[in-house]
Amino acid sequence: MDHDYGILNRVFHNITDMHVGHHLFPTIPHYRAVEATKAIRPILGEYYQFDPTPVVKVIWHEAKECIYIQAEDHKGVFWYSNKF
């Protein structure tokens, strides 16, 4: 999922706001990330995911809600929980 980190997008070479393309094509250099993302958005259509939530709000939510992660009976599935 791509996220908008504001000015930090440039600081992190667009890895945050162009993250989907990075996972689909990990060998694309960072300086082609914007171009690659523009090309793959129409192809992915409804499968392309972007979360416009401000990064500070996302970090606060994760720090507050995601207390720990537990495995589900060795099935390779993990769940986050906000309760001890």
N, C-alpha and C. Protein backbone atom coordinates (compact mmCIF):
# COMPACT_ATOMS: atom_id res chain seq x y z
N MET A 1 0.85 -1.17 0.00
CA MET A 1 0.00 0.00 0.00
C MET A 1 0.90 1.23 0.00
N ASP A 2 0.56 2.18 -0.83
CA ASP A 2 1.30 3.44 -0.89
C ASP A 2 0.73 4.41 0.14
N HIS A 3 1.61 5.21 0.74
CA HIS A 3 1.24 6.22 1.73
C HIS A 3 1.87 7.54 1.34
N ASP A 4 1.22 8.63 1.69
CA ASP A 4 1.78 9.96 1.45
C ASP A 4 2.47 10.45 2.71
N TYR A 5 3.79 10.61 2.65
CA TYR A 5 4.57 11.10 3.79
C TYR A 5 4.94 12.56 3.63
N GLY A 6 4.25 13.27 2.74
CA GLY A 6 4.53 14.68 2.54
C GLY A 6 5.95 14.90 2.02
N ILE A 7 6.67 15.82 2.64
CA ILE A 7 8.03 16.14 2.22
C ILE A 7 8.97 14.94 2.36
N LEU A 8 8.64 14.03 3.26
CA LEU A 8 9.49 12.85 3.46
C LEU A 8 9.48 11.92 2.26
N ASN A 9 8.49 12.03 1.38
CA ASN A 9 8.50 11.23 0.16
C ASN A 9 9.80 11.46 -0.60
N ARG A 10 10.20 12.72 -0.75
CA ARG A 10 11.44 13.06 -1.46
C ARG A 10 12.66 12.61 -0.67
N VAL A 11 12.62 12.79 0.64
CA VAL A 11 13.76 12.40 1.49
C VAL A 11 14.02 10.91 1.36
N PHE A 12 12.97 10.12 1.31
CA PHE A 12 13.09 8.66 1.22
C PHE A 12 13.06 8.15 -0.22
N HIS A 13 13.33 9.01 -1.18
CA HIS A 13 13.41 8.64 -2.60
C HIS A 13 12.13 7.97 -3.10
N ASN A 14 10.99 8.43 -2.64
CA ASN A 14 9.66 7.96 -3.06
C ASN A 14 9.37 6.50 -2.73
N ILE A 15 10.10 5.91 -1.82
CA ILE A 15 9.82 4.51 -1.46
C ILE A 15 8.52 4.40 -0.67
N THR A 16 8.08 5.48 -0.03
CA THR A 16 6.86 5.43 0.77
C THR A 16 5.60 5.64 -0.06
N ASP A 17 5.64 6.58 -0.98
CA ASP A 17 4.45 6.85 -1.78
C ASP A 17 4.42 6.05 -3.08
N MET A 18 5.47 5.31 -3.37
CA MET A 18 5.55 4.48 -4.57
C MET A 18 5.90 3.04 -4.19
N HIS A 19 5.44 2.60 -3.03
CA HIS A 19 5.84 1.32 -2.45
C HIS A 19 5.29 0.10 -3.20
N VAL A 20 4.10 0.20 -3.75
CA VAL A 20 3.51 -0.93 -4.48
C VAL A 20 4.40 -1.31 -5.66
N GLY A 21 4.82 -0.32 -6.42
CA GLY A 21 5.70 -0.58 -7.57
C GLY A 21 7.01 -1.20 -7.15
N HIS A 22 7.54 -0.77 -6.01
CA HIS A 22 8.78 -1.34 -5.48
C HIS A 22 8.64 -2.84 -5.22
N HIS A 23 7.50 -3.26 -4.71
CA HIS A 23 7.30 -4.69 -4.44
C HIS A 23 7.04 -5.49 -5.71
N LEU A 24 6.38 -4.89 -6.67
CA LEU A 24 6.12 -5.60 -7.92
C LEU A 24 7.37 -5.69 -8.79
N PHE A 25 8.18 -4.65 -8.77
CA PHE A 25 9.39 -4.58 -9.60
C PHE A 25 10.56 -4.09 -8.75
N PRO A 26 11.11 -4.94 -7.88
CA PRO A 26 12.13 -4.49 -6.94
C PRO A 26 13.45 -4.03 -7.57
N THR A 27 13.67 -4.34 -8.83
CA THR A 27 14.94 -3.93 -9.45
C THR A 27 14.85 -2.56 -10.12
N ILE A 28 13.67 -1.94 -10.15
CA ILE A 28 13.54 -0.60 -10.72
C ILE A 28 14.26 0.38 -9.80
N PRO A 29 15.14 1.23 -10.36
CA PRO A 29 15.84 2.21 -9.52
C PRO A 29 14.87 3.25 -8.94
N HIS A 30 15.23 3.79 -7.78
CA HIS A 30 14.34 4.73 -7.09
C HIS A 30 14.00 5.94 -7.94
N TYR A 31 14.90 6.36 -8.81
CA TYR A 31 14.63 7.54 -9.63
C TYR A 31 13.62 7.27 -10.74
N ARG A 32 13.18 6.03 -10.89
CA ARG A 32 12.11 5.68 -11.84
C ARG A 32 10.81 5.30 -11.13
N ALA A 33 10.78 5.43 -9.81
CA ALA A 33 9.62 5.00 -9.03
C ALA A 33 8.35 5.76 -9.39
N VAL A 34 8.44 7.07 -9.54
CA VAL A 34 7.25 7.87 -9.87
C VAL A 34 6.70 7.46 -11.23
N GLU A 35 7.57 7.35 -12.20
CA GLU A 35 7.17 6.96 -13.55
C GLU A 35 6.56 5.56 -13.56
N ALA A 36 7.19 4.63 -12.84
CA ALA A 36 6.69 3.25 -12.79
C ALA A 36 5.31 3.19 -12.14
N THR A 37 5.12 3.93 -11.06
CA THR A 37 3.84 3.93 -10.37
C THR A 37 2.73 4.48 -11.25
N LYS A 38 3.03 5.55 -11.97
CA LYS A 38 2.03 6.11 -12.90
C LYS A 38 1.65 5.09 -13.96
N ALA A 39 2.59 4.25 -14.37
CA ALA A 39 2.32 3.24 -15.40
C ALA A 39 1.53 2.05 -14.86
N ILE A 40 1.78 1.66 -13.61
CA ILE A 40 1.11 0.45 -13.09
C ILE A 40 -0.26 0.73 -12.49
N ARG A 41 -0.54 1.95 -12.07
CA ARG A 41 -1.86 2.26 -11.47
C ARG A 41 -3.01 1.85 -12.38
N PRO A 42 -3.01 2.24 -13.67
CA PRO A 42 -4.14 1.84 -14.53
C PRO A 42 -4.21 0.34 -14.75
N ILE A 43 -3.06 -0.32 -14.75
CA ILE A 43 -3.04 -1.77 -14.96
C ILE A 43 -3.62 -2.50 -13.75
N LEU A 44 -3.25 -2.05 -12.55
CA LEU A 44 -3.75 -2.68 -11.33
C LEU A 44 -5.21 -2.33 -11.06
N GLY A 45 -5.64 -1.16 -11.51
CA GLY A 45 -7.03 -0.76 -11.33
C GLY A 45 -7.45 -0.78 -9.87
N GLU A 46 -8.51 -1.50 -9.56
CA GLU A 46 -9.04 -1.55 -8.19
C GLU A 46 -8.09 -2.24 -7.21
N TYR A 47 -7.09 -2.96 -7.72
CA TYR A 47 -6.14 -3.65 -6.84
C TYR A 47 -5.04 -2.73 -6.34
N TYR A 48 -4.90 -1.55 -6.95
CA TYR A 48 -3.91 -0.59 -6.47
C TYR A 48 -4.43 0.04 -5.19
N GLN A 49 -3.61 0.09 -4.16
CA GLN A 49 -4.02 0.60 -2.86
C GLN A 49 -3.20 1.83 -2.46
N PHE A 50 -3.88 2.89 -2.05
CA PHE A 50 -3.24 4.11 -1.56
C PHE A 50 -4.00 4.57 -0.33
N ASP A 51 -3.28 4.84 0.75
CA ASP A 51 -3.89 5.33 1.98
C ASP A 51 -3.51 6.79 2.17
N PRO A 52 -4.47 7.72 2.06
CA PRO A 52 -4.16 9.14 2.18
C PRO A 52 -4.06 9.65 3.63
N THR A 53 -4.20 8.76 4.61
CA THR A 53 -4.12 9.16 6.01
C THR A 53 -2.76 9.79 6.30
N PRO A 54 -2.73 10.94 6.96
CA PRO A 54 -1.45 11.58 7.29
C PRO A 54 -0.55 10.65 8.10
N VAL A 55 0.74 10.66 7.80
CA VAL A 55 1.68 9.71 8.39
C VAL A 55 1.73 9.81 9.91
N VAL A 56 1.62 11.00 10.47
CA VAL A 56 1.64 11.14 11.93
C VAL A 56 0.46 10.41 12.55
N LYS A 57 -0.69 10.49 11.92
CA LYS A 57 -1.89 9.79 12.41
C LYS A 57 -1.70 8.27 12.31
N VAL A 58 -1.09 7.80 11.23
CA VAL A 58 -0.84 6.37 11.05
C VAL A 58 0.11 5.86 12.14
N ILE A 59 1.20 6.59 12.37
CA ILE A 59 2.17 6.17 13.39
C ILE A 59 1.52 6.15 14.77
N TRP A 60 0.73 7.17 15.09
CA TRP A 60 0.04 7.21 16.38
C TRP A 60 -0.92 6.02 16.52
N HIS A 61 -1.67 5.72 15.47
CA HIS A 61 -2.61 4.60 15.51
C HIS A 61 -1.87 3.29 15.76
N GLU A 62 -0.77 3.06 15.05
CA GLU A 62 -0.02 1.81 15.21
C GLU A 62 0.59 1.72 16.60
N ALA A 63 1.13 2.82 17.11
CA ALA A 63 1.73 2.81 18.44
C ALA A 63 0.68 2.55 19.52
N LYS A 64 -0.52 3.06 19.32
CA LYS A 64 -1.59 2.92 20.30
C LYS A 64 -2.31 1.58 20.20
N GLU A 65 -2.55 1.10 18.99
CA GLU A 65 -3.40 -0.07 18.77
C GLU A 65 -2.67 -1.39 18.60
N CYS A 66 -1.51 -1.38 17.99
CA CYS A 66 -0.81 -2.64 17.71
C CYS A 66 0.17 -2.95 18.84
N ILE A 67 -0.33 -3.57 19.88
CA ILE A 67 0.48 -3.88 21.05
C ILE A 67 1.42 -5.05 20.77
N TYR A 68 0.91 -6.11 20.19
CA TYR A 68 1.75 -7.25 19.84
C TYR A 68 1.13 -8.03 18.69
N ILE A 69 1.91 -8.95 18.16
CA ILE A 69 1.46 -9.79 17.04
C ILE A 69 1.57 -11.24 17.48
N GLN A 70 0.54 -12.03 17.17
CA GLN A 70 0.56 -13.45 17.55
C GLN A 70 0.36 -14.33 16.32
N ALA A 71 1.01 -15.48 16.34
CA ALA A 71 0.88 -16.44 15.24
C ALA A 71 -0.38 -17.28 15.43
N GLU A 72 -0.92 -17.75 14.32
CA GLU A 72 -2.11 -18.60 14.37
C GLU A 72 -1.72 -20.04 14.09
N ASP A 73 -1.46 -20.81 15.12
CA ASP A 73 -1.21 -22.26 15.04
C ASP A 73 -0.28 -22.68 13.90
N HIS A 74 0.83 -22.04 13.77
CA HIS A 74 1.87 -22.42 12.78
C HIS A 74 1.34 -22.49 11.35
N LYS A 75 0.38 -21.64 11.02
CA LYS A 75 -0.18 -21.63 9.67
C LYS A 75 0.42 -20.53 8.81
N GLY A 76 1.36 -19.76 9.37
CA GLY A 76 1.94 -18.65 8.62
C GLY A 76 1.06 -17.42 8.62
N VAL A 77 0.03 -17.41 9.46
CA VAL A 77 -0.88 -16.27 9.56
C VAL A 77 -0.61 -15.57 10.89
N PHE A 78 -0.50 -14.24 10.83
CA PHE A 78 -0.24 -13.47 12.04
C PHE A 78 -1.32 -12.42 12.22
N TRP A 79 -1.70 -12.18 13.46
CA TRP A 79 -2.74 -11.20 13.78
C TRP A 79 -2.19 -10.20 14.77
N TYR A 80 -2.54 -8.92 14.59
CA TYR A 80 -2.14 -7.94 15.59
C TYR A 80 -3.25 -7.85 16.62
N SER A 81 -2.87 -7.48 17.83
CA SER A 81 -3.85 -7.36 18.90
C SER A 81 -3.55 -6.13 19.74
N ASN A 82 -4.58 -5.51 20.25
CA ASN A 82 -4.39 -4.37 21.13
C ASN A 82 -4.72 -4.72 22.58
N LYS A 83 -4.78 -6.01 22.86
CA LYS A 83 -5.07 -6.47 24.22
C LYS A 83 -3.98 -7.45 24.66
N PHE A 84 -3.61 -7.38 25.93
CA PHE A 84 -2.61 -8.32 26.46
C PHE A 84 -3.24 -9.64 26.78
